Amino acid sequence: MEETYGMQDYSDGISERSVDPVCGRVIVEEKAAGKLDYAGETFYFCSKDCQDRFQENPGGFLGQPK
């Protein structure tokens, strides 16, 4: 039996997840319908419609004034 000396994989197989800033759905990042970088962050979207709505007014979805 080979020793791993602390190199054991403890991951649970769960993919990275994010919340769609438009509709609030939890999105598996690798399966997102779209993604967009804004203000130094990457946002993931459940649909093209949510991405388009975000692009029209990103600050409105992030609690920033227009």
Protein backbone atom coordinates (compact mmCIF):
# COMPACT_ATOMS: atom_id res chain seq x y z
CA MET A 1 0.00 0.00 0.00
CA GLU A 2 1.36 3.38 -1.01
CA GLU A 3 1.54 6.15 1.60
CA THR A 4 0.25 9.56 0.52
CA TYR A 5 1.66 11.56 3.47
CA GLY A 6 -1.12 14.14 3.67
CA MET A 7 -1.93 14.13 -0.02
CA GLN A 8 -5.28 12.38 0.42
CA ASP A 9 -8.12 13.87 -1.59
CA TYR A 10 -10.72 15.15 0.85
CA SER A 11 -12.88 16.86 -1.77
CA ASP A 12 -16.51 15.91 -1.80
CA GLY A 13 -16.93 16.21 -5.57
CA ILE A 14 -19.10 19.31 -5.31
CA SER A 15 -18.51 21.86 -8.06
CA GLU A 16 -18.05 25.55 -7.39
CA ARG A 17 -21.37 27.33 -7.03
CA SER A 18 -22.46 30.95 -7.31
CA VAL A 19 -25.72 32.83 -6.96
CA ASP A 20 -27.21 34.44 -10.08
CA PRO A 21 -27.33 38.15 -9.07
CA VAL A 22 -30.54 38.70 -11.06
CA CYS A 23 -32.86 35.87 -10.01
CA GLY A 24 -31.05 34.45 -6.98
CA ARG A 25 -30.77 30.88 -8.27
CA VAL A 26 -27.74 28.84 -7.22
CA ILE A 27 -25.64 28.11 -10.30
CA VAL A 28 -23.03 25.39 -10.80
CA GLU A 29 -20.33 27.56 -12.37
CA GLU A 30 -19.17 25.02 -14.96
CA LYS A 31 -22.78 24.65 -16.21
CA ALA A 32 -23.76 28.33 -16.17
CA ALA A 33 -25.58 29.72 -19.20
CA GLY A 34 -23.27 32.73 -19.10
CA LYS A 35 -20.72 34.62 -17.07
CA LEU A 36 -19.58 38.20 -16.94
CA ASP A 37 -16.72 40.04 -15.26
CA TYR A 38 -17.76 43.27 -13.57
CA ALA A 39 -15.94 45.41 -11.00
CA GLY A 40 -13.26 42.77 -10.50
CA GLU A 41 -15.72 39.92 -9.86
CA THR A 42 -17.06 37.15 -12.07
CA PHE A 43 -20.81 36.67 -12.05
CA TYR A 44 -22.57 33.53 -13.32
CA PHE A 45 -26.06 33.39 -14.80
CA CYS A 46 -28.75 30.73 -15.13
CA SER A 47 -29.90 32.11 -18.50
CA LYS A 48 -29.01 34.55 -21.26
CA ASP A 49 -31.99 36.66 -20.17
CA CYS A 50 -30.56 37.11 -16.66
CA GLN A 51 -27.15 37.98 -18.12
CA ASP A 52 -28.69 40.56 -20.48
CA ARG A 53 -30.70 42.14 -17.64
CA PHE A 54 -27.55 42.37 -15.51
CA GLN A 55 -25.58 43.99 -18.34
CA GLU A 56 -28.23 46.70 -18.71
CA ASN A 57 -27.91 47.79 -15.07
CA PRO A 58 -25.29 45.87 -13.05
CA GLY A 59 -25.30 48.38 -10.19
CA GLY A 60 -29.03 47.92 -9.71
CA PHE A 61 -28.57 44.23 -9.03
CA LEU A 62 -25.62 44.84 -6.73
CA GLY A 63 -27.36 47.46 -4.60
CA GLN A 64 -25.54 50.40 -6.17
CA PRO A 65 -27.29 53.58 -7.32
CA LYS A 66 -27.83 54.04 -11.06
